[in-house]
Amino acid sequence: MSEPLIGIDELGNTVVIELKRDKTPRETLAQLIEYASFIDNLDYEQLNGIFQDYSGEEVGLEEYHQQYYEDGANQSVSWNKNSKLVIVAQDISKEIKQTSLYLRKKGIDVYCVEFKYFVNNSNIKMISSDFVVGDEEFIRQNVKSETQLPKTTQDKFIETLNENGKFVFNRLFDFANKENLLLRWGSKGFSLNLPFDNGFVGLCFGYPPTSVFKQSIYTGFEEITKKVNNPEKVIFDFIAELKKQKNFEKARTNLKWIIIKKSETEINNFIETIKILVEKIRIEGLRK
């Protein structure tokens, strides 16, 4: 029995999705409710851990969520305050529909979606879907069955960049190699890290145009806060240096640089700022 998928909607509520290839057996709803009862007890830190394990990214769930739902950024987010239960199958049985309708009447947010897979006359594979129980305005999202997304590589990452991004990131990669900094790759982007004998600290994150973060560099304040001694002073000085550069803007709890032009001055200034940050972290050291 495969485990259901878990997602997060625009308001921070969890969405638990049970996928069935053919007709739904009688125990489908019971399995979904059992898993949902487990998800219901998760706090933000636990959800964030699940997200990072799956995505392979070290950026936090809150930051990713804000960027993904950029149009709804002004809405209040309450993590896992409510849950939606979704059954997706080619054929949802009469018993499952009836029980789902009963649960909805009792206040349980249950949805049933039937899908049809076919190949059209142009040999294009297509999927159509129809809500047979639940709100027709429920957000339809693509779902994946992998337990972890495959990680990208430096070569694949560079292929996705435009000329401005290639100029900036290649300079950053050369700097990282020269200074023996560590690049850790996720499904879309990377983190630039300062290695220690007993661990490492994330300094910043890089993303391609295909990411929800767009072609950008993000700071890593959360990493510094969690791992470095005297983090407030280190972050304060880091922010002060970045504010001298006009290319960084606020991104919730971090700062971001959306790379839209080829600028040798901007990348040189950023590299010098990272050098200063590295020196300060080495002086302070990692938390025990």
C-alpha atoms as a PDB file:
ATOM      1  CA  MET A   1       0.000   0.000   0.000  1.00  0.00           C
ATOM      2  CA  SER A   2       1.485   3.322  -1.078  1.00  0.00           C
ATOM      3  CA  GLU A   3       1.306   6.288   1.271  1.00  0.00           C
ATOM      4  CA  PRO A   4      -0.872   9.276   0.317  1.00  0.00           C
ATOM      5  CA  LEU A   5       0.695  12.498  -0.930  1.00  0.00           C
ATOM      6  CA  ILE A   6       0.756  15.591   1.247  1.00  0.00           C
ATOM      7  CA  GLY A   7       0.531  19.171  -0.012  1.00  0.00           C
ATOM      8  CA  ILE A   8       0.013  22.687   1.359  1.00  0.00           C
ATOM      9  CA  ASP A   9      -2.611  25.100   0.066  1.00  0.00           C
ATOM     10  CA  GLU A  10      -2.436  28.895  -0.171  1.00  0.00           C
ATOM     11  CA  LEU A  11      -3.487  29.420   3.469  1.00  0.00           C
ATOM     12  CA  GLY A  12      -1.066  26.856   4.902  1.00  0.00           C
ATOM     13  CA  ASN A  13      -3.637  24.085   5.309  1.00  0.00           C
ATOM     14  CA  THR A  14      -2.524  20.534   4.602  1.00  0.00           C
ATOM     15  CA  VAL A  15      -3.949  18.611   1.632  1.00  0.00           C
ATOM     16  CA  VAL A  16      -3.808  14.819   1.862  1.00  0.00           C
ATOM     17  CA  ILE A  17      -4.189  13.069  -1.516  1.00  0.00           C
ATOM     18  CA  GLU A  18      -4.888   9.376  -2.086  1.00  0.00           C
ATOM     19  CA  LEU A  19      -4.150   8.202  -5.651  1.00  0.00           C
ATOM     20  CA  LYS A  20      -5.731   5.057  -7.095  1.00  0.00           C
ATOM     21  CA  ARG A  21      -5.012   3.879 -10.625  1.00  0.00           C
ATOM     22  CA  ASP A  22      -8.259   1.976 -11.124  1.00  0.00           C
ATOM     23  CA  LYS A  23     -11.443   1.654  -9.054  1.00  0.00           C
ATOM     24  CA  THR A  24     -11.347   2.683  -5.398  1.00  0.00           C
ATOM     25  CA  PRO A  25     -11.561  -0.257  -2.961  1.00  0.00           C
ATOM     26  CA  ARG A  26     -13.778   0.080   0.116  1.00  0.00           C
ATOM     27  CA  GLU A  27     -10.823   0.705   2.441  1.00  0.00           C
ATOM     28  CA  THR A  28      -9.588   3.743   0.457  1.00  0.00           C
ATOM     29  CA  LEU A  29     -11.319   6.331   2.614  1.00  0.00           C
ATOM     30  CA  ALA A  30     -10.299   4.615   5.838  1.00  0.00           C
ATOM     31  CA  GLN A  31      -6.640   4.672   4.731  1.00  0.00           C
ATOM     32  CA  LEU A  32      -6.902   8.362   3.852  1.00  0.00           C
ATOM     33  CA  ILE A  33      -8.481   9.310   7.189  1.00  0.00           C
ATOM     34  CA  GLU A  34      -5.889   7.266   9.088  1.00  0.00           C
ATOM     35  CA  TYR A  35      -3.036   9.102   7.373  1.00  0.00           C
ATOM     36  CA  ALA A  36      -4.794  12.468   7.765  1.00  0.00           C
ATOM     37  CA  SER A  37      -5.087  11.891  11.534  1.00  0.00           C
ATOM     38  CA  PHE A  38      -1.287  11.618  11.607  1.00  0.00           C
ATOM     39  CA  ILE A  39      -0.773  14.730   9.432  1.00  0.00           C
ATOM     40  CA  ASP A  40      -3.189  16.719  11.610  1.00  0.00           C
ATOM     41  CA  ASN A  41      -0.692  16.628  14.499  1.00  0.00           C
ATOM     42  CA  LEU A  42       2.282  18.015  12.554  1.00  0.00           C
ATOM     43  CA  ASP A  43       3.592  21.479  13.360  1.00  0.00           C
ATOM     44  CA  TYR A  44       5.492  23.795  10.997  1.00  0.00           C
ATOM     45  CA  GLU A  45       8.932  22.374  11.830  1.00  0.00           C
ATOM     46  CA  GLN A  46       7.762  18.845  11.014  1.00  0.00           C
ATOM     47  CA  LEU A  47       6.102  19.958   7.773  1.00  0.00           C
ATOM     48  CA  ASN A  48       9.258  21.858   6.865  1.00  0.00           C
ATOM     49  CA  GLY A  49      11.344  18.713   7.446  1.00  0.00           C
ATOM     50  CA  ILE A  50       9.061  16.688   5.146  1.00  0.00           C
ATOM     51  CA  PHE A  51       9.272  19.385   2.469  1.00  0.00           C
ATOM     52  CA  GLN A  52      13.064  19.612   2.599  1.00  0.00           C
ATOM     53  CA  ASP A  53      13.505  15.815   2.560  1.00  0.00           C
ATOM     54  CA  TYR A  54      11.242  15.528  -0.497  1.00  0.00           C
ATOM     55  CA  SER A  55      12.455  18.529  -2.490  1.00  0.00           C
ATOM     56  CA  GLY A  56      16.137  18.125  -1.688  1.00  0.00           C
ATOM     57  CA  GLU A  57      16.271  21.886  -1.144  1.00  0.00           C
ATOM     58  CA  GLU A  58      17.546  23.523   2.031  1.00  0.00           C
ATOM     59  CA  VAL A  59      15.346  26.582   1.680  1.00  0.00           C
ATOM     60  CA  GLY A  60      12.484  26.608   4.183  1.00  0.00           C
ATOM     61  CA  LEU A  61       8.865  25.703   3.423  1.00  0.00           C
ATOM     62  CA  GLU A  62       7.662  29.178   4.436  1.00  0.00           C
ATOM     63  CA  GLU A  63       9.947  30.896   1.926  1.00  0.00           C
ATOM     64  CA  TYR A  64       9.019  28.473  -0.875  1.00  0.00           C
ATOM     65  CA  HIS A  65       5.303  28.755  -0.053  1.00  0.00           C
ATOM     66  CA  GLN A  66       5.419  32.548  -0.198  1.00  0.00           C
ATOM     67  CA  GLN A  67       7.063  32.491  -3.617  1.00  0.00           C
ATOM     68  CA  TYR A  68       4.797  29.768  -5.042  1.00  0.00           C
ATOM     69  CA  TYR A  69       1.632  31.599  -3.965  1.00  0.00           C
ATOM     70  CA  GLU A  70       3.019  34.995  -4.859  1.00  0.00           C
ATOM     71  CA  ASP A  71      -0.388  36.385  -5.886  1.00  0.00           C
ATOM     72  CA  GLY A  72      -1.787  35.597  -2.437  1.00  0.00           C
ATOM     73  CA  ALA A  73       1.171  36.882  -0.458  1.00  0.00           C
ATOM     74  CA  ASN A  74      -1.001  39.281   1.550  1.00  0.00           C
ATOM     75  CA  GLN A  75      -3.188  36.512   2.946  1.00  0.00           C
ATOM     76  CA  SER A  76      -2.607  35.265   6.473  1.00  0.00           C
ATOM     77  CA  VAL A  77      -0.976  31.819   6.648  1.00  0.00           C
ATOM     78  CA  SER A  78      -1.775  29.484   9.556  1.00  0.00           C
ATOM     79  CA  TRP A  79       0.189  26.275   9.218  1.00  0.00           C
ATOM     80  CA  ASN A  80      -1.908  23.093   9.332  1.00  0.00           C
ATOM     81  CA  LYS A  81      -4.928  24.730  10.939  1.00  0.00           C
ATOM     82  CA  ASN A  82      -7.234  22.649   8.718  1.00  0.00           C
ATOM     83  CA  SER A  83      -6.903  19.701   6.325  1.00  0.00           C
ATOM     84  CA  LYS A  84      -8.409  18.766   2.990  1.00  0.00           C
ATOM     85  CA  LEU A  85      -8.773  15.100   2.015  1.00  0.00           C
ATOM     86  CA  VAL A  86      -8.698  14.238  -1.685  1.00  0.00           C
ATOM     87  CA  ILE A  87      -9.281  10.903  -3.425  1.00  0.00           C
ATOM     88  CA  VAL A  88      -8.133  10.738  -7.055  1.00  0.00           C
ATOM     89  CA  ALA A  89      -8.992   7.635  -9.108  1.00  0.00           C
ATOM     90  CA  GLN A  90     -10.149   6.530 -12.538  1.00  0.00           C
ATOM     91  CA  ASP A  91     -13.334   5.130 -11.059  1.00  0.00           C
ATOM     92  CA  ILE A  92     -14.600   6.164  -7.622  1.00  0.00           C
ATOM     93  CA  SER A  93     -17.092   3.645  -6.288  1.00  0.00           C
ATOM     94  CA  LYS A  94     -20.642   4.508  -5.280  1.00  0.00           C
ATOM     95  CA  GLU A  95     -19.836   3.559  -1.665  1.00  0.00           C
ATOM     96  CA  ILE A  96     -16.859   5.946  -1.501  1.00  0.00           C
ATOM     97  CA  LYS A  97     -18.918   8.807  -2.991  1.00  0.00           C
ATOM     98  CA  GLN A  98     -21.746   8.188  -0.546  1.00  0.00           C
ATOM     99  CA  THR A  99     -19.434   8.061   2.481  1.00  0.00           C
ATOM    100  CA  SER A 100     -17.557  11.165   1.302  1.00  0.00           C
ATOM    101  CA  LEU A 101     -20.807  13.110   0.955  1.00  0.00           C
ATOM    102  CA  TYR A 102     -21.768  12.056   4.480  1.00  0.00           C
ATOM    103  CA  LEU A 103     -18.394  13.211   5.850  1.00  0.00           C
ATOM    104  CA  ARG A 104     -18.753  16.568   4.084  1.00  0.00           C
ATOM    105  CA  LYS A 105     -22.151  17.063   5.736  1.00  0.00           C
ATOM    106  CA  LYS A 106     -20.427  16.434   9.077  1.00  0.00           C
ATOM    107  CA  GLY A 107     -17.798  19.083   8.385  1.00  0.00           C
ATOM    108  CA  ILE A 108     -14.934  16.965   6.988  1.00  0.00           C
ATOM    109  CA  ASP A 109     -13.392  18.602   3.905  1.00  0.00           C
ATOM    110  CA  VAL A 110     -13.391  15.624   1.511  1.00  0.00           C
ATOM    111  CA  TYR A 111     -13.095  15.747  -2.283  1.00  0.00           C
ATOM    112  CA  CYS A 112     -13.360  12.991  -4.891  1.00  0.00           C
ATOM    113  CA  VAL A 113     -11.856  13.451  -8.353  1.00  0.00           C
ATOM    114  CA  GLU A 114     -12.195  11.019 -11.244  1.00  0.00           C
ATOM    115  CA  PHE A 115      -9.720  11.193 -14.120  1.00  0.00           C
ATOM    116  CA  LYS A 116      -9.554   9.731 -17.591  1.00  0.00           C
ATOM    117  CA  TYR A 117      -6.314   9.062 -19.458  1.00  0.00           C
ATOM    118  CA  PHE A 118      -6.314   8.910 -23.261  1.00  0.00           C
ATOM    119  CA  VAL A 119      -4.273   9.600 -26.398  1.00  0.00           C
ATOM    120  CA  ASN A 120      -5.815  11.964 -28.968  1.00  0.00           C
ATOM    121  CA  ASN A 121      -5.595  11.806 -32.755  1.00  0.00           C
ATOM    122  CA  SER A 122      -2.283  13.696 -32.697  1.00  0.00           C
ATOM    123  CA  ASN A 123      -0.796  11.015 -30.413  1.00  0.00           C
ATOM    124  CA  ILE A 124      -0.701  13.465 -27.493  1.00  0.00           C
ATOM    125  CA  LYS A 125      -1.231  11.922 -24.059  1.00  0.00           C
ATOM    126  CA  MET A 126      -3.954  13.734 -22.124  1.00  0.00           C
ATOM    127  CA  ILE A 127      -5.714  13.576 -18.762  1.00  0.00           C
ATOM    128  CA  SER A 128      -9.174  14.958 -18.044  1.00  0.00           C
ATOM    129  CA  SER A 129     -10.589  15.248 -14.542  1.00  0.00           C
ATOM    130  CA  ASP A 130     -13.943  15.839 -12.920  1.00  0.00           C
ATOM    131  CA  PHE A 131     -14.901  16.568  -9.304  1.00  0.00           C
ATOM    132  CA  VAL A 132     -17.621  14.082  -8.404  1.00  0.00           C
ATOM    133  CA  VAL A 133     -17.674  15.071  -4.711  1.00  0.00           C
ATOM    134  CA  GLY A 134     -16.587  18.493  -3.486  1.00  0.00           C
ATOM    135  CA  ASP A 135     -16.027  22.062  -4.537  1.00  0.00           C
ATOM    136  CA  GLU A 136     -15.530  22.612  -8.272  1.00  0.00           C
ATOM    137  CA  GLU A 137     -13.296  25.587  -7.466  1.00  0.00           C
ATOM    138  CA  PHE A 138     -10.804  23.459  -5.528  1.00  0.00           C
ATOM    139  CA  ILE A 139      -7.301  24.249  -6.816  1.00  0.00           C
ATOM    140  CA  ARG A 140      -6.186  21.632  -9.330  1.00  0.00           C
ATOM    141  CA  GLN A 141      -2.477  20.929  -9.069  1.00  0.00           C
ATOM    142  CA  ASN A 142      -0.165  18.411 -10.683  1.00  0.00           C
ATOM    143  CA  VAL A 143       0.978  15.728  -8.269  1.00  0.00           C
ATOM    144  CA  LYS A 144       3.968  13.408  -8.394  1.00  0.00           C
ATOM    145  CA  SER A 145       4.379   9.946  -6.953  1.00  0.00           C
ATOM    146  CA  GLU A 146       8.133  10.121  -6.266  1.00  0.00           C
ATOM    147  CA  THR A 147       9.198  10.133  -2.629  1.00  0.00           C
ATOM    148  CA  GLN A 148      12.062  12.489  -3.522  1.00  0.00           C
ATOM    149  CA  LEU A 149      12.712  14.705  -6.502  1.00  0.00           C
ATOM    150  CA  PRO A 150      15.947  14.030  -8.425  1.00  0.00           C
ATOM    151  CA  LYS A 151      18.773  16.451  -7.730  1.00  0.00           C
ATOM    152  CA  THR A 152      20.135  18.711 -10.426  1.00  0.00           C
ATOM    153  CA  THR A 153      23.834  19.201 -11.229  1.00  0.00           C
ATOM    154  CA  GLN A 154      25.972  22.227 -11.955  1.00  0.00           C
ATOM    155  CA  ASP A 155      25.944  21.515 -15.702  1.00  0.00           C
ATOM    156  CA  LYS A 156      22.158  21.059 -15.819  1.00  0.00           C
ATOM    157  CA  PHE A 157      21.677  24.166 -13.703  1.00  0.00           C
ATOM    158  CA  ILE A 158      23.793  26.319 -16.025  1.00  0.00           C
ATOM    159  CA  GLU A 159      21.851  25.045 -19.061  1.00  0.00           C
ATOM    160  CA  THR A 160      18.645  26.575 -17.652  1.00  0.00           C
ATOM    161  CA  LEU A 161      20.125  30.061 -17.190  1.00  0.00           C
ATOM    162  CA  ASN A 162      20.007  33.011 -19.555  1.00  0.00           C
ATOM    163  CA  GLU A 163      23.214  34.861 -20.426  1.00  0.00           C
ATOM    164  CA  ASN A 164      22.953  37.167 -17.410  1.00  0.00           C
ATOM    165  CA  GLY A 165      22.506  34.237 -15.063  1.00  0.00           C
ATOM    166  CA  LYS A 166      25.394  32.299 -16.605  1.00  0.00           C
ATOM    167  CA  PHE A 167      27.709  35.267 -16.107  1.00  0.00           C
ATOM    168  CA  VAL A 168      26.757  35.766 -12.446  1.00  0.00           C
ATOM    169  CA  PHE A 169      26.591  32.123 -11.387  1.00  0.00           C
ATOM    170  CA  ASN A 170      29.761  31.043 -13.187  1.00  0.00           C
ATOM    171  CA  ARG A 171      31.615  33.790 -11.342  1.00  0.00           C
ATOM    172  CA  LEU A 172      30.075  32.564  -8.077  1.00  0.00           C
ATOM    173  CA  PHE A 173      31.027  28.938  -8.833  1.00  0.00           C
ATOM    174  CA  ASP A 174      34.615  29.946  -9.631  1.00  0.00           C
ATOM    175  CA  PHE A 175      34.776  31.812  -6.331  1.00  0.00           C
ATOM    176  CA  ALA A 176      33.345  28.815  -4.439  1.00  0.00           C
ATOM    177  CA  ASN A 177      35.907  26.479  -5.988  1.00  0.00           C
ATOM    178  CA  LYS A 178      38.796  28.838  -5.237  1.00  0.00           C
ATOM    179  CA  GLU A 179      37.731  29.325  -1.596  1.00  0.00           C
ATOM    180  CA  ASN A 180      36.904  25.614  -1.046  1.00  0.00           C
ATOM    181  CA  LEU A 181      33.251  26.363  -0.326  1.00  0.00           C
ATOM    182  CA  LEU A 182      30.697  23.575  -0.627  1.00  0.00           C
ATOM    183  CA  LEU A 183      27.913  23.467  -3.236  1.00  0.00           C
ATOM    184  CA  ARG A 184      24.953  21.289  -2.236  1.00  0.00           C
ATOM    185  CA  TRP A 185      22.481  20.606  -5.043  1.00  0.00           C
ATOM    186  CA  GLY A 186      18.709  20.304  -4.719  1.00  0.00           C
ATOM    187  CA  SER A 187      16.000  19.539  -7.272  1.00  0.00           C
ATOM    188  CA  LYS A 188      16.203  23.012  -8.831  1.00  0.00           C
ATOM    189  CA  GLY A 189      18.994  25.030  -7.293  1.00  0.00           C
ATOM    190  CA  PHE A 190      21.876  24.911  -4.848  1.00  0.00           C
ATOM    191  CA  SER A 191      23.123  26.171  -1.524  1.00  0.00           C
ATOM    192  CA  LEU A 192      26.581  27.682  -1.076  1.00  0.00           C
ATOM    193  CA  ASN A 193      28.056  26.469   2.218  1.00  0.00           C
ATOM    194  CA  LEU A 194      31.033  27.109   4.446  1.00  0.00           C
ATOM    195  CA  PRO A 195      32.325  23.672   5.575  1.00  0.00           C
ATOM    196  CA  PHE A 196      33.642  22.931   9.062  1.00  0.00           C
ATOM    197  CA  ASP A 197      35.075  19.752  10.573  1.00  0.00           C
ATOM    198  CA  ASN A 198      31.804  19.187  12.413  1.00  0.00           C
ATOM    199  CA  GLY A 199      29.336  20.450   9.811  1.00  0.00           C
ATOM    200  CA  PHE A 200      28.643  23.338   7.452  1.00  0.00           C
ATOM    201  CA  VAL A 201      26.715  26.600   7.271  1.00  0.00           C
ATOM    202  CA  GLY A 202      24.545  27.693   4.356  1.00  0.00           C
ATOM    203  CA  LEU A 203      25.575  31.146   3.146  1.00  0.00           C
ATOM    204  CA  CYS A 204      23.146  31.678   0.272  1.00  0.00           C
ATOM    205  CA  PHE A 205      20.932  29.872  -2.235  1.00  0.00           C
ATOM    206  CA  GLY A 206      20.855  30.036  -6.032  1.00  0.00           C
ATOM    207  CA  TYR A 207      17.892  29.351  -8.315  1.00  0.00           C
ATOM    208  CA  PRO A 208      17.261  29.150 -12.088  1.00  0.00           C
ATOM    209  CA  PRO A 209      14.514  30.902 -14.105  1.00  0.00           C
ATOM    210  CA  THR A 210      12.400  27.716 -13.955  1.00  0.00           C
ATOM    211  CA  SER A 211      12.150  27.904 -10.155  1.00  0.00           C
ATOM    212  CA  VAL A 212       9.376  29.687  -8.265  1.00  0.00           C
ATOM    213  CA  PHE A 213      12.185  31.915  -6.954  1.00  0.00           C
ATOM    214  CA  LYS A 214      13.039  32.921 -10.534  1.00  0.00           C
ATOM    215  CA  GLN A 215      16.693  33.436 -11.530  1.00  0.00           C
ATOM    216  CA  SER A 216      17.976  34.643  -8.195  1.00  0.00           C
ATOM    217  CA  ILE A 217      20.301  34.499  -5.221  1.00  0.00           C
ATOM    218  CA  TYR A 218      18.746  34.326  -1.738  1.00  0.00           C
ATOM    219  CA  THR A 219      20.399  34.885   1.617  1.00  0.00           C
ATOM    220  CA  GLY A 220      20.532  32.102   4.207  1.00  0.00           C
ATOM    221  CA  PHE A 221      19.662  33.831   7.472  1.00  0.00           C
ATOM    222  CA  GLU A 222      17.867  30.739   8.856  1.00  0.00           C
ATOM    223  CA  GLU A 223      20.978  28.601   8.421  1.00  0.00           C
ATOM    224  CA  ILE A 224      23.137  31.156  10.213  1.00  0.00           C
ATOM    225  CA  THR A 225      20.595  31.492  13.021  1.00  0.00           C
ATOM    226  CA  LYS A 226      20.453  27.740  13.602  1.00  0.00           C
ATOM    227  CA  LYS A 227      24.143  26.922  13.367  1.00  0.00           C
ATOM    228  CA  VAL A 228      26.398  29.912  14.166  1.00  0.00           C
ATOM    229  CA  ASN A 229      27.383  31.400  17.501  1.00  0.00           C
ATOM    230  CA  ASN A 230      26.233  35.004  18.035  1.00  0.00           C
ATOM    231  CA  PRO A 231      24.013  34.858  14.919  1.00  0.00           C
ATOM    232  CA  GLU A 232      22.286  38.211  15.494  1.00  0.00           C
ATOM    233  CA  LYS A 233      25.540  40.148  15.090  1.00  0.00           C
ATOM    234  CA  VAL A 234      26.638  38.078  12.086  1.00  0.00           C
ATOM    235  CA  ILE A 235      23.287  38.569  10.305  1.00  0.00           C
ATOM    236  CA  PHE A 236      23.142  42.279  11.193  1.00  0.00           C
ATOM    237  CA  ASP A 237      26.550  42.856   9.591  1.00  0.00           C
ATOM    238  CA  PHE A 238      25.613  40.686   6.594  1.00  0.00           C
ATOM    239  CA  ILE A 239      22.448  42.724   5.984  1.00  0.00           C
ATOM    240  CA  ALA A 240      24.361  45.983   6.375  1.00  0.00           C
ATOM    241  CA  GLU A 241      26.819  44.937   3.656  1.00  0.00           C
ATOM    242  CA  LEU A 242      24.036  43.803   1.303  1.00  0.00           C
ATOM    243  CA  LYS A 243      22.073  47.015   1.767  1.00  0.00           C
ATOM    244  CA  LYS A 244      25.023  48.904   0.343  1.00  0.00           C
ATOM    245  CA  GLN A 245      24.256  47.051  -2.882  1.00  0.00           C
ATOM    246  CA  LYS A 246      21.166  48.256  -4.737  1.00  0.00           C
ATOM    247  CA  ASN A 247      20.362  44.890  -6.317  1.00  0.00           C
ATOM    248  CA  PHE A 248      19.028  43.153  -3.166  1.00  0.00           C
ATOM    249  CA  GLU A 249      15.411  43.485  -2.060  1.00  0.00           C
ATOM    250  CA  LYS A 250      13.410  42.175   0.881  1.00  0.00           C
ATOM    251  CA  ALA A 251      11.947  38.658   0.628  1.00  0.00           C
ATOM    252  CA  ARG A 252      10.042  38.078   3.874  1.00  0.00           C
ATOM    253  CA  THR A 253      12.757  37.135   6.398  1.00  0.00           C
ATOM    254  CA  ASN A 254      15.554  37.105   3.792  1.00  0.00           C
ATOM    255  CA  LEU A 255      16.954  39.270   1.011  1.00  0.00           C
ATOM    256  CA  LYS A 256      16.979  38.333  -2.664  1.00  0.00           C
ATOM    257  CA  TRP A 257      18.750  39.398  -5.832  1.00  0.00           C
ATOM    258  CA  ILE A 258      16.688  38.770  -8.984  1.00  0.00           C
ATOM    259  CA  ILE A 259      19.343  38.545 -11.701  1.00  0.00           C
ATOM    260  CA  ILE A 260      18.038  40.504 -14.690  1.00  0.00           C
ATOM    261  CA  LYS A 261      21.226  42.030 -16.053  1.00  0.00           C
ATOM    262  CA  LYS A 262      24.882  41.199 -16.563  1.00  0.00           C
ATOM    263  CA  SER A 263      26.809  43.249 -14.026  1.00  0.00           C
ATOM    264  CA  GLU A 264      30.433  42.627 -13.102  1.00  0.00           C
ATOM    265  CA  THR A 265      30.229  45.246 -10.346  1.00  0.00           C
ATOM    266  CA  GLU A 266      27.233  43.589  -8.679  1.00  0.00           C
ATOM    267  CA  ILE A 267      28.714  40.085  -8.631  1.00  0.00           C
ATOM    268  CA  ASN A 268      32.087  41.417  -7.433  1.00  0.00           C
ATOM    269  CA  ASN A 269      30.375  43.294  -4.587  1.00  0.00           C
ATOM    270  CA  PHE A 270      28.399  40.189  -3.635  1.00  0.00           C
ATOM    271  CA  ILE A 271      31.470  37.967  -3.622  1.00  0.00           C
ATOM    272  CA  GLU A 272      33.281  40.456  -1.393  1.00  0.00           C
ATOM    273  CA  THR A 273      30.290  40.425   0.960  1.00  0.00           C
ATOM    274  CA  ILE A 274      30.377  36.612   1.104  1.00  0.00           C
ATOM    275  CA  LYS A 275      34.109  36.788   1.914  1.00  0.00           C
ATOM    276  CA  ILE A 276      33.335  39.079   4.859  1.00  0.00           C
ATOM    277  CA  LEU A 277      30.523  36.762   5.984  1.00  0.00           C
ATOM    278  CA  VAL A 278      32.799  33.703   5.810  1.00  0.00           C
ATOM    279  CA  GLU A 279      35.423  35.410   7.954  1.00  0.00           C
ATOM    280  CA  LYS A 280      32.861  36.420  10.588  1.00  0.00           C
ATOM    281  CA  ILE A 281      31.400  32.899  10.765  1.00  0.00           C
ATOM    282  CA  ARG A 282      34.866  31.375  11.117  1.00  0.00           C
ATOM    283  CA  ILE A 283      35.583  33.745  13.994  1.00  0.00           C
ATOM    284  CA  GLU A 284      32.291  32.950  15.777  1.00  0.00           C
ATOM    285  CA  GLY A 285      32.313  29.216  15.040  1.00  0.00           C
ATOM    286  CA  LEU A 286      29.458  26.703  15.026  1.00  0.00           C
ATOM    287  CA  ARG A 287      27.144  25.940  17.918  1.00  0.00           C
ATOM    288  CA  LYS A 288      27.910  22.755  19.815  1.00  0.00           C
END
